[in-house]
Amino acid sequence: MCGGSTDADKTFVLPAASVRMTACTYCGCPVETHDPVFVSESPDGEPTAQFCNYGCLSAHIDEAGLTTGTACEWSPAQ
């Protein structure tokens, strides 16, 4: 697979109602006063990060270079 991504590298967006965290991982603002996005390393896991909205999540991804080396194409045979 291009970039060497595995299932362990994936994150999952969790429903906002299922978690209560306060500070945005990216900007530090209270997430509950916005349209929060919570992410986890497993579908049923505890949140590992929280963001005010998809804008903060996107900015965090860009600044941390999280898309560098990831797969641009994927097929089950790879």
PDB file of N, CA and C in Angstrom:
ATOM      1  N   MET A   1       0.847  -1.181   0.000  1.00  0.00           N
ATOM      2  CA  MET A   1       0.000   0.000   0.000  1.00  0.00           C
ATOM      3  C   MET A   1       0.893   1.244   0.000  1.00  0.00           C
ATOM      4  N   CYS A   2       0.571   2.195  -0.812  1.00  0.00           N
ATOM      5  CA  CYS A   2       1.318   3.442  -0.902  1.00  0.00           C
ATOM      6  C   CYS A   2       1.313   4.161   0.442  1.00  0.00           C
ATOM      7  N   GLY A   3       2.475   4.559   0.925  1.00  0.00           N
ATOM      8  CA  GLY A   3       2.562   5.301   2.177  1.00  0.00           C
ATOM      9  C   GLY A   3       2.621   4.436   3.415  1.00  0.00           C
ATOM     10  N   GLY A   4       2.389   3.142   3.283  1.00  0.00           N
ATOM     11  CA  GLY A   4       2.496   2.238   4.414  1.00  0.00           C
ATOM     12  C   GLY A   4       1.424   2.405   5.471  1.00  0.00           C
ATOM     13  N   SER A   5       0.284   2.956   5.127  1.00  0.00           N
ATOM     14  CA  SER A   5      -0.793   3.139   6.089  1.00  0.00           C
ATOM     15  C   SER A   5      -1.377   1.791   6.482  1.00  0.00           C
ATOM     16  N   THR A   6      -1.726   1.649   7.745  1.00  0.00           N
ATOM     17  CA  THR A   6      -2.371   0.435   8.242  1.00  0.00           C
ATOM     18  C   THR A   6      -3.625   0.825   8.992  1.00  0.00           C
ATOM     19  N   ASP A   7      -4.411  -0.156   9.379  1.00  0.00           N
ATOM     20  CA  ASP A   7      -5.608   0.140  10.163  1.00  0.00           C
ATOM     21  C   ASP A   7      -5.258   0.864  11.452  1.00  0.00           C
ATOM     22  N   ALA A   8      -4.075   0.603  11.996  1.00  0.00           N
ATOM     23  CA  ALA A   8      -3.663   1.254  13.234  1.00  0.00           C
ATOM     24  C   ALA A   8      -3.437   2.754  13.047  1.00  0.00           C
ATOM     25  N   ASP A   9      -3.220   3.204  11.799  1.00  0.00           N
ATOM     26  CA  ASP A   9      -2.977   4.613  11.521  1.00  0.00           C
ATOM     27  C   ASP A   9      -4.261   5.429  11.381  1.00  0.00           C
ATOM     28  N   LYS A  10      -5.395   4.783  11.314  1.00  0.00           N
ATOM     29  CA  LYS A  10      -6.655   5.475  11.049  1.00  0.00           C
ATOM     30  C   LYS A  10      -7.206   6.128  12.305  1.00  0.00           C
ATOM     31  N   THR A  11      -7.952   7.214  12.095  1.00  0.00           N
ATOM     32  CA  THR A  11      -8.688   7.829  13.182  1.00  0.00           C
ATOM     33  C   THR A  11     -10.158   7.822  12.824  1.00  0.00           C
ATOM     34  N   PHE A  12     -11.004   7.922  13.812  1.00  0.00           N
ATOM     35  CA  PHE A  12     -12.443   7.848  13.613  1.00  0.00           C
ATOM     36  C   PHE A  12     -13.106   9.062  14.247  1.00  0.00           C
ATOM     37  N   VAL A  13     -14.068   9.648  13.540  1.00  0.00           N
ATOM     38  CA  VAL A  13     -14.826  10.778  14.078  1.00  0.00           C
ATOM     39  C   VAL A  13     -15.937  10.209  14.942  1.00  0.00           C
ATOM     40  N   LEU A  14     -16.027  10.704  16.170  1.00  0.00           N
ATOM     41  CA  LEU A  14     -17.023  10.222  17.119  1.00  0.00           C
ATOM     42  C   LEU A  14     -18.176  11.213  17.214  1.00  0.00           C
ATOM     43  N   PRO A  15     -19.390  10.731  17.541  1.00  0.00           N
ATOM     44  CA  PRO A  15     -20.523  11.636  17.719  1.00  0.00           C
ATOM     45  C   PRO A  15     -20.260  12.580  18.895  1.00  0.00           C
ATOM     46  N   ALA A  16     -20.553  13.846  18.704  1.00  0.00           N
ATOM     47  CA  ALA A  16     -20.272  14.860  19.729  1.00  0.00           C
ATOM     48  C   ALA A  16     -21.010  14.572  21.029  1.00  0.00           C
ATOM     49  N   ALA A  17     -22.201  14.018  20.960  1.00  0.00           N
ATOM     50  CA  ALA A  17     -22.996  13.766  22.160  1.00  0.00           C
ATOM     51  C   ALA A  17     -22.368  12.696  23.052  1.00  0.00           C
ATOM     52  N   SER A  18     -21.460  11.885  22.505  1.00  0.00           N
ATOM     53  CA  SER A  18     -20.904  10.779  23.282  1.00  0.00           C
ATOM     54  C   SER A  18     -19.688  11.174  24.109  1.00  0.00           C
ATOM     55  N   VAL A  19     -19.189  12.386  23.956  1.00  0.00           N
ATOM     56  CA  VAL A  19     -17.978  12.788  24.662  1.00  0.00           C
ATOM     57  C   VAL A  19     -18.112  14.180  25.267  1.00  0.00           C
ATOM     58  N   ARG A  20     -17.373  14.428  26.318  1.00  0.00           N
ATOM     59  CA  ARG A  20     -17.346  15.757  26.923  1.00  0.00           C
ATOM     60  C   ARG A  20     -15.897  16.125  27.206  1.00  0.00           C
ATOM     61  N   MET A  21     -15.328  16.937  26.359  1.00  0.00           N
ATOM     62  CA  MET A  21     -13.988  17.470  26.559  1.00  0.00           C
ATOM     63  C   MET A  21     -14.099  18.970  26.345  1.00  0.00           C
ATOM     64  N   THR A  22     -13.144  19.716  26.840  1.00  0.00           N
ATOM     65  CA  THR A  22     -13.330  21.150  26.796  1.00  0.00           C
ATOM     66  C   THR A  22     -12.430  21.909  25.833  1.00  0.00           C
ATOM     67  N   ALA A  23     -11.140  21.672  25.815  1.00  0.00           N
ATOM     68  CA  ALA A  23     -10.234  22.505  25.025  1.00  0.00           C
ATOM     69  C   ALA A  23      -9.934  21.893  23.654  1.00  0.00           C
ATOM     70  N   CYS A  24     -10.008  22.721  22.632  1.00  0.00           N
ATOM     71  CA  CYS A  24      -9.688  22.301  21.268  1.00  0.00           C
ATOM     72  C   CYS A  24      -8.203  21.924  21.198  1.00  0.00           C
ATOM     73  N   THR A  25      -7.906  20.792  20.602  1.00  0.00           N
ATOM     74  CA  THR A  25      -6.532  20.331  20.442  1.00  0.00           C
ATOM     75  C   THR A  25      -5.720  21.321  19.617  1.00  0.00           C
ATOM     76  N   TYR A  26      -6.362  22.002  18.674  1.00  0.00           N
ATOM     77  CA  TYR A  26      -5.653  22.925  17.782  1.00  0.00           C
ATOM     78  C   TYR A  26      -5.516  24.332  18.376  1.00  0.00           C
ATOM     79  N   CYS A  27      -6.645  24.949  18.752  1.00  0.00           N
ATOM     80  CA  CYS A  27      -6.594  26.363  19.143  1.00  0.00           C
ATOM     81  C   CYS A  27      -6.788  26.617  20.635  1.00  0.00           C
ATOM     82  N   GLY A  28      -7.219  25.609  21.388  1.00  0.00           N
ATOM     83  CA  GLY A  28      -7.385  25.761  22.827  1.00  0.00           C
ATOM     84  C   GLY A  28      -8.712  26.343  23.274  1.00  0.00           C
ATOM     85  N   CYS A  29      -9.577  26.734  22.333  1.00  0.00           N
ATOM     86  CA  CYS A  29     -10.894  27.286  22.692  1.00  0.00           C
ATOM     87  C   CYS A  29     -11.800  26.175  23.230  1.00  0.00           C
ATOM     88  N   PRO A  30     -12.824  26.541  23.999  1.00  0.00           N
ATOM     89  CA  PRO A  30     -13.783  25.533  24.471  1.00  0.00           C
ATOM     90  C   PRO A  30     -14.560  24.950  23.291  1.00  0.00           C
ATOM     91  N   VAL A  31     -14.482  23.663  23.097  1.00  0.00           N
ATOM     92  CA  VAL A  31     -15.125  23.041  21.934  1.00  0.00           C
ATOM     93  C   VAL A  31     -16.640  23.013  22.040  1.00  0.00           C
ATOM     94  N   GLU A  32     -17.160  22.954  23.244  1.00  0.00           N
ATOM     95  CA  GLU A  32     -18.607  22.826  23.416  1.00  0.00           C
ATOM     96  C   GLU A  32     -19.378  24.072  23.019  1.00  0.00           C
ATOM     97  N   THR A  33     -18.697  25.207  22.810  1.00  0.00           N
ATOM     98  CA  THR A  33     -19.378  26.427  22.373  1.00  0.00           C
ATOM     99  C   THR A  33     -19.395  26.526  20.848  1.00  0.00           C
ATOM    100  N   HIS A  34     -18.861  25.527  20.180  1.00  0.00           N
ATOM    101  CA  HIS A  34     -18.793  25.508  18.715  1.00  0.00           C
ATOM    102  C   HIS A  34     -19.505  24.269  18.183  1.00  0.00           C
ATOM    103  N   ASP A  35     -19.105  23.811  17.026  1.00  0.00           N
ATOM    104  CA  ASP A  35     -19.647  22.594  16.422  1.00  0.00           C
ATOM    105  C   ASP A  35     -18.546  21.529  16.511  1.00  0.00           C
ATOM    106  N   PRO A  36     -18.356  20.904  17.699  1.00  0.00           N
ATOM    107  CA  PRO A  36     -17.168  20.091  17.951  1.00  0.00           C
ATOM    108  C   PRO A  36     -17.055  18.823  17.116  1.00  0.00           C
ATOM    109  N   VAL A  37     -15.802  18.435  16.905  1.00  0.00           N
ATOM    110  CA  VAL A  37     -15.456  17.190  16.228  1.00  0.00           C
ATOM    111  C   VAL A  37     -14.506  16.444  17.161  1.00  0.00           C
ATOM    112  N   PHE A  38     -14.828  15.204  17.479  1.00  0.00           N
ATOM    113  CA  PHE A  38     -13.991  14.383  18.332  1.00  0.00           C
ATOM    114  C   PHE A  38     -13.436  13.232  17.506  1.00  0.00           C
ATOM    115  N   VAL A  39     -12.176  12.904  17.698  1.00  0.00           N
ATOM    116  CA  VAL A  39     -11.566  11.805  16.945  1.00  0.00           C
ATOM    117  C   VAL A  39     -10.959  10.789  17.906  1.00  0.00           C
ATOM    118  N   SER A  40     -10.891   9.541  17.422  1.00  0.00           N
ATOM    119  CA  SER A  40     -10.352   8.446  18.204  1.00  0.00           C
ATOM    120  C   SER A  40      -9.541   7.544  17.295  1.00  0.00           C
ATOM    121  N   GLU A  41      -8.651   6.761  17.875  1.00  0.00           N
ATOM    122  CA  GLU A  41      -7.849   5.821  17.096  1.00  0.00           C
ATOM    123  C   GLU A  41      -8.573   4.510  16.865  1.00  0.00           C
ATOM    124  N   SER A  42      -9.736   4.317  17.479  1.00  0.00           N
ATOM    125  CA  SER A  42     -10.541   3.116  17.234  1.00  0.00           C
ATOM    126  C   SER A  42     -12.013   3.518  17.191  1.00  0.00           C
ATOM    127  N   PRO A  43     -12.836   2.756  16.464  1.00  0.00           N
ATOM    128  CA  PRO A  43     -14.240   3.143  16.293  1.00  0.00           C
ATOM    129  C   PRO A  43     -15.017   3.276  17.607  1.00  0.00           C
ATOM    130  N   ASP A  44     -14.696   2.454  18.591  1.00  0.00           N
ATOM    131  CA  ASP A  44     -15.414   2.497  19.865  1.00  0.00           C
ATOM    132  C   ASP A  44     -14.543   3.018  21.001  1.00  0.00           C
ATOM    133  N   GLY A  45     -13.406   3.601  20.659  1.00  0.00           N
ATOM    134  CA  GLY A  45     -12.452   4.048  21.668  1.00  0.00           C
ATOM    135  C   GLY A  45     -12.761   5.409  22.246  1.00  0.00           C
ATOM    136  N   GLU A  46     -11.991   5.745  23.246  1.00  0.00           N
ATOM    137  CA  GLU A  46     -12.086   7.059  23.856  1.00  0.00           C
ATOM    138  C   GLU A  46     -11.498   8.096  22.903  1.00  0.00           C
ATOM    139  N   PRO A  47     -11.986   9.335  22.935  1.00  0.00           N
ATOM    140  CA  PRO A  47     -11.435  10.362  22.062  1.00  0.00           C
ATOM    141  C   PRO A  47      -9.969  10.645  22.393  1.00  0.00           C
ATOM    142  N   THR A  48      -9.187  10.808  21.356  1.00  0.00           N
ATOM    143  CA  THR A  48      -7.775  11.129  21.538  1.00  0.00           C
ATOM    144  C   THR A  48      -7.499  12.589  21.203  1.00  0.00           C
ATOM    145  N   ALA A  49      -8.454  13.256  20.568  1.00  0.00           N
ATOM    146  CA  ALA A  49      -8.330  14.679  20.237  1.00  0.00           C
ATOM    147  C   ALA A  49      -9.718  15.257  20.033  1.00  0.00           C
ATOM    148  N   GLN A  50      -9.831  16.576  20.201  1.00  0.00           N
ATOM    149  CA  GLN A  50     -11.101  17.267  19.995  1.00  0.00           C
ATOM    150  C   GLN A  50     -10.828  18.608  19.336  1.00  0.00           C
ATOM    151  N   PHE A  51     -11.754  19.026  18.479  1.00  0.00           N
ATOM    152  CA  PHE A  51     -11.584  20.255  17.713  1.00  0.00           C
ATOM    153  C   PHE A  51     -12.876  21.043  17.729  1.00  0.00           C
ATOM    154  N   CYS A  52     -12.777  22.386  17.649  1.00  0.00           N
ATOM    155  CA  CYS A  52     -13.956  23.265  17.635  1.00  0.00           C
ATOM    156  C   CYS A  52     -14.899  22.906  16.493  1.00  0.00           C
ATOM    157  N   ASN A  53     -14.309  22.609  15.342  1.00  0.00           N
ATOM    158  CA  ASN A  53     -15.063  22.308  14.125  1.00  0.00           C
ATOM    159  C   ASN A  53     -14.104  21.697  13.108  1.00  0.00           C
ATOM    160  N   TYR A  54     -14.596  21.429  11.918  1.00  0.00           N
ATOM    161  CA  TYR A  54     -13.734  20.833  10.893  1.00  0.00           C
ATOM    162  C   TYR A  54     -12.637  21.786  10.425  1.00  0.00           C
ATOM    163  N   GLY A  55     -12.822  23.091  10.603  1.00  0.00           N
ATOM    164  CA  GLY A  55     -11.785  24.064  10.243  1.00  0.00           C
ATOM    165  C   GLY A  55     -10.541  23.878  11.101  1.00  0.00           C
ATOM    166  N   CYS A  56     -10.728  23.739  12.424  1.00  0.00           N
ATOM    167  CA  CYS A  56      -9.586  23.510  13.317  1.00  0.00           C
ATOM    168  C   CYS A  56      -8.959  22.147  13.051  1.00  0.00           C
ATOM    169  N   LEU A  57      -9.789  21.140  12.787  1.00  0.00           N
ATOM    170  CA  LEU A  57      -9.261  19.816  12.451  1.00  0.00           C
ATOM    171  C   LEU A  57      -8.414  19.887  11.190  1.00  0.00           C
ATOM    172  N   SER A  58      -8.905  20.563  10.165  1.00  0.00           N
ATOM    173  CA  SER A  58      -8.179  20.696   8.902  1.00  0.00           C
ATOM    174  C   SER A  58      -6.862  21.453   9.090  1.00  0.00           C
ATOM    175  N   ALA A  59      -6.892  22.540   9.860  1.00  0.00           N
ATOM    176  CA  ALA A  59      -5.681  23.311  10.117  1.00  0.00           C
ATOM    177  C   ALA A  59      -4.661  22.467  10.877  1.00  0.00           C
ATOM    178  N   HIS A  60      -5.127  21.677  11.837  1.00  0.00           N
ATOM    179  CA  HIS A  60      -4.239  20.791  12.595  1.00  0.00           C
ATOM    180  C   HIS A  60      -3.587  19.761  11.672  1.00  0.00           C
ATOM    181  N   ILE A  61      -4.370  19.178  10.784  1.00  0.00           N
ATOM    182  CA  ILE A  61      -3.850  18.185   9.830  1.00  0.00           C
ATOM    183  C   ILE A  61      -2.780  18.812   8.947  1.00  0.00           C
ATOM    184  N   ASP A  62      -3.053  20.018   8.427  1.00  0.00           N
ATOM    185  CA  ASP A  62      -2.084  20.701   7.561  1.00  0.00           C
ATOM    186  C   ASP A  62      -0.798  21.040   8.301  1.00  0.00           C
ATOM    187  N   GLU A  63      -0.918  21.665   9.478  1.00  0.00           N
ATOM    188  CA  GLU A  63       0.273  22.104  10.212  1.00  0.00           C
ATOM    189  C   GLU A  63       1.113  20.939  10.735  1.00  0.00           C
ATOM    190  N   ALA A  64       0.474  19.823  11.087  1.00  0.00           N
ATOM    191  CA  ALA A  64       1.201  18.663  11.601  1.00  0.00           C
ATOM    192  C   ALA A  64       1.726  17.775  10.472  1.00  0.00           C
ATOM    193  N   GLY A  65       1.359  18.095   9.223  1.00  0.00           N
ATOM    194  CA  GLY A  65       1.817  17.306   8.087  1.00  0.00           C
ATOM    195  C   GLY A  65       1.292  15.875   8.103  1.00  0.00           C
ATOM    196  N   LEU A  66       0.079  15.692   8.586  1.00  0.00           N
ATOM    197  CA  LEU A  66      -0.472  14.350   8.741  1.00  0.00           C
ATOM    198  C   LEU A  66      -0.821  13.654   7.433  1.00  0.00           C
ATOM    199  N   THR A  67      -0.874  14.407   6.342  1.00  0.00           N
ATOM    200  CA  THR A  67      -1.177  13.766   5.059  1.00  0.00           C
ATOM    201  C   THR A  67       0.084  13.410   4.279  1.00  0.00           C
ATOM    202  N   THR A  68       1.238  13.810   4.766  1.00  0.00           N
ATOM    203  CA  THR A  68       2.498  13.508   4.090  1.00  0.00           C
ATOM    204  C   THR A  68       2.748  12.009   4.108  1.00  0.00           C
ATOM    205  N   GLY A  69       2.944  11.442   2.915  1.00  0.00           N
ATOM    206  CA  GLY A  69       3.238  10.024   2.799  1.00  0.00           C
ATOM    207  C   GLY A  69       2.027   9.111   2.846  1.00  0.00           C
ATOM    208  N   THR A  70       0.827   9.671   2.827  1.00  0.00           N
ATOM    209  CA  THR A  70      -0.361   8.824   2.849  1.00  0.00           C
ATOM    210  C   THR A  70      -0.715   8.379   1.446  1.00  0.00           C
ATOM    211  N   ALA A  71      -1.567   7.410   1.346  1.00  0.00           N
ATOM    212  CA  ALA A  71      -1.950   6.842   0.061  1.00  0.00           C
ATOM    213  C   ALA A  71      -2.875   7.785  -0.698  1.00  0.00           C
ATOM    214  N   CYS A  72      -2.575   8.004  -1.971  1.00  0.00           N
ATOM    215  CA  CYS A  72      -3.457   8.822  -2.797  1.00  0.00           C
ATOM    216  C   CYS A  72      -4.443   7.922  -3.536  1.00  0.00           C
ATOM    217  N   GLU A  73      -4.094   6.669  -3.673  1.00  0.00           N
ATOM    218  CA  GLU A  73      -4.977   5.675  -4.285  1.00  0.00           C
ATOM    219  C   GLU A  73      -4.876   4.396  -3.468  1.00  0.00           C
ATOM    220  N   TRP A  74      -5.972   3.644  -3.413  1.00  0.00           N
ATOM    221  CA  TRP A  74      -5.969   2.417  -2.669  1.00  0.00           C
ATOM    222  C   TRP A  74      -6.879   1.424  -3.341  1.00  0.00           C
ATOM    223  N   SER A  75      -6.491   0.182  -3.336  1.00  0.00           N
ATOM    224  CA  SER A  75      -7.372  -0.886  -3.797  1.00  0.00           C
ATOM    225  C   SER A  75      -7.161  -2.066  -2.870  1.00  0.00           C
ATOM    226  N   PRO A  76      -8.159  -2.919  -2.720  1.00  0.00           N
ATOM    227  CA  PRO A  76      -8.044  -4.034  -1.785  1.00  0.00           C
ATOM    228  C   PRO A  76      -6.854  -4.959  -2.066  1.00  0.00           C
ATOM    229  N   ALA A  77      -6.362  -4.988  -3.300  1.00  0.00           N
ATOM    230  CA  ALA A  77      -5.251  -5.867  -3.656  1.00  0.00           C
ATOM    231  C   ALA A  77      -3.915  -5.339  -3.146  1.00  0.00           C
ATOM    232  N   GLN A  78      -3.831  -4.076  -2.763  1.00  0.00           N
ATOM    233  CA  GLN A  78      -2.549  -3.494  -2.324  1.00  0.00           C
ATOM    234  C   GLN A  78      -2.267  -3.784  -0.879  1.00  0.00           C
TER     235      GLN A  78
END
